[in-house]
Amino acid sequence: MNRVIVTGASEGLGFELSKLFLEKDISVTGISRTRPNLKVDFIKTDLTVEEDIENAASMILKRLFRLRCDNQLRWCFKCN
């Protein structure tokens, strides 16, 4: 499954891009201060606040990827 992360997903260009991706059956994780009126995976984030950015990055890693270790102890990200 294809996935995208869109900042500013609640209005303007970010909102329109999110709609286009959803129409093409692409899963959208929307990042914005307010919840968009779309069926997206929403992460409330103010990109002017460093703590919000760190929290969003952590949530993206937890929701979209899982960290695994292979036999040679090399770490890699796998899409969920």
Protein backbone atom coordinates (compact mmCIF):
# COMPACT_ATOMS: atom_id res chain seq x y z
CA MET A 1 0.00 0.00 0.00
CA ASN A 2 1.30 3.45 -0.90
CA ARG A 3 1.47 6.01 1.89
CA VAL A 4 2.22 9.71 1.99
CA ILE A 5 2.70 12.28 4.75
CA VAL A 6 1.17 15.69 4.04
CA THR A 7 1.89 18.76 6.15
CA GLY A 8 -0.75 21.48 6.32
CA ALA A 9 -3.40 18.88 5.57
CA SER A 10 -6.32 20.85 7.02
CA GLU A 11 -6.48 23.62 4.40
CA GLY A 12 -5.03 25.04 1.21
CA LEU A 13 -2.54 23.07 -0.86
CA GLY A 14 -2.04 20.39 1.79
CA PHE A 15 -5.80 19.76 1.95
CA GLU A 16 -6.12 19.55 -1.84
CA LEU A 17 -3.13 17.23 -2.13
CA SER A 18 -4.60 14.99 0.56
CA LYS A 19 -7.88 14.78 -1.36
CA LEU A 20 -6.05 13.87 -4.58
CA PHE A 21 -4.04 11.13 -2.86
CA LEU A 22 -7.17 9.70 -1.23
CA GLU A 23 -8.96 9.65 -4.60
CA LYS A 24 -6.09 7.51 -5.90
CA ASP A 25 -6.43 5.13 -2.91
CA ILE A 26 -3.17 6.31 -1.37
CA SER A 27 -3.12 6.28 2.44
CA VAL A 28 -2.56 9.78 3.88
CA THR A 29 -1.08 10.79 7.22
CA GLY A 30 -2.06 14.43 7.66
CA ILE A 31 -0.05 16.76 9.87
CA SER A 32 -1.60 20.08 10.86
CA ARG A 33 -2.76 22.14 13.83
CA THR A 34 -6.43 21.35 13.14
CA ARG A 35 -8.06 18.11 12.01
CA PRO A 36 -8.82 18.06 8.29
CA ASN A 37 -12.34 17.15 7.21
CA LEU A 38 -10.99 14.08 5.40
CA LYS A 39 -10.48 10.41 6.25
CA VAL A 40 -6.76 10.62 6.97
CA ASP A 41 -4.54 9.36 9.76
CA PHE A 42 -4.24 12.67 11.65
CA ILE A 43 -1.34 13.86 13.80
CA LYS A 44 -1.98 17.19 15.53
CA THR A 45 1.22 19.19 15.09
CA ASP A 46 2.27 22.82 15.14
CA LEU A 47 5.40 22.91 12.97
CA THR A 48 6.59 26.07 14.77
CA VAL A 49 6.90 24.13 18.07
CA GLU A 50 9.96 21.89 18.31
CA GLU A 51 8.35 19.50 20.82
CA ASP A 52 5.37 19.00 18.47
CA ILE A 53 7.75 18.15 15.62
CA GLU A 54 9.59 15.60 17.77
CA ASN A 55 6.29 14.04 18.88
CA ALA A 56 5.03 13.88 15.29
CA ALA A 57 8.24 12.21 14.11
CA SER A 58 7.96 9.63 16.89
CA MET A 59 4.30 8.94 16.08
CA ILE A 60 5.07 8.56 12.36
CA LEU A 61 7.79 6.02 13.09
CA LYS A 62 5.49 4.06 15.41
CA ARG A 63 2.45 4.16 13.11
CA LEU A 64 4.01 3.71 9.70
CA PHE A 65 7.14 1.67 10.31
CA ARG A 66 8.41 -1.02 12.57
CA LEU A 67 12.06 -1.26 13.42
CA ARG A 68 13.54 -4.72 13.11
CA CYS A 69 16.92 -6.31 13.45
CA ASP A 70 18.18 -8.93 11.01
CA ASN A 71 20.59 -11.80 11.71
CA GLN A 72 23.68 -9.61 11.40
CA LEU A 73 22.27 -7.05 13.88
CA ARG A 74 21.62 -4.49 11.15
CA TRP A 75 18.62 -2.28 11.80
CA CYS A 76 16.17 -1.35 9.11
CA PHE A 77 12.70 0.11 8.79
CA LYS A 78 9.89 -1.97 7.35
CA CYS A 79 6.56 -0.50 6.31
CA ASN A 80 3.61 -1.75 8.33
